[in-house]
Amino acid sequence: MIDTPRWVLAMALGALIALALPHPAGAQQVPGSAELTRVVGRVELLRKGQTQWGPAVVGAHLVEGDDIRAFSGASAELLLPDKSTVVLAENSRLLMTKLEYDPQNQSRLVLLHLAVGKVRAVIAQASVTLVRLRQSNFAISTPTAVAAARGTIVWVFTDGQSSLVAVEPEAGVLLPSRVDCIPLKGLPAGGPQGGQTIFAGSMATDCAAPTPIQPQFLTLNNPATANAAALAGGPVVVPPGVLQAVTAGLNAPTAPPLSFSTGNTPTQGTSPNSFGRDIGVNQTQSQNQQGNNHEKSDDENEQGNNQNQQGNNNQQ
């Protein structure tokens, strides 16, 4: 080793470091966690594989298979790895079914199961790559339906027998936000499945024709499921076919085909396949608006300078 040139040793060390580092082309989604950022009232956690619930505290992390429940007057907020947030209303129970995230390209696969109660999810927009692929990568399932969303604010409620999905309007977007509502009845049996596109400002029960949203629904008040059996504990069973329904046409080519209806809601982009294009348009609009605001600010500054110059000339 003493007689070996230093540059040879340096090259060998560099090769070892390169082999140890992860290769960008091989990057993939890995299991992530959701952080509890706010807890109000009695909120409890059930870790995967355990039978005893424990108190939830701010800073705790939930991973795939973990359960969280909030009792009367309580609520909890979760921060997901992609910066999406989920607020669990009172008398509600939520299971972390699938929680994967790739920090390198910010891709995700999030699947949450609402056993009973109500949640509000503010879903971060997917990366540019996923937008182009139009991949459904964020969904909330219930015992009767699944809401697959991209870059939107969605409310989901279930009493265990039926489900309601509402899309909260967002300001500053050119095209309306929307979600796919997919009924789980019959999945994963063969045959076409009917779905419903729900636009911002609308709500639908069990993926039926949407109706105008009821403002009183967009609150964390949820007395309807105060005595639900699912809150008492016991295992939660996610309906079969949920993941296949969410990723149909991309990651699960053998899943039953989906046919969507848009009802009498806004008709811009009537096919769910336009989701990626809508997000791209909204992102472009946002960037253009920022540019316009910057140019307007420059013009106002220039006008102010001209007025000051005129004032100085008048004083002279």
Foldseek 3Di string as FASTA:
>chain_A
DVPDDPVVVVVVVVVVVVVPDDDPVPFDWDWDKKFWADKFAFKWKDAAPDADIDGDDGGDIHTARMKMAAAPPIKIKIQAPLRKIKIFFHLWMKGFHGWIAGVVQGAIAGEMETAAAKMKIQDQAGGLVCLVVLAQRHWYHYLWKIKGFGRFIKMWGDLNPKIKIATAFDPQADDWGWIKIFTPPCPQPADEGEIEIHTHQWMDMSRDAIDGDDVVVPDSDTPPNNPRPVNVDDDDDDRPPPVCVRGDPHPNPPGYHYDYDHHPPDPVPGDSSCRSVRVVRSVVSVVVVVVVVVVVVVVVVVVVVVVVVVVVVVVD
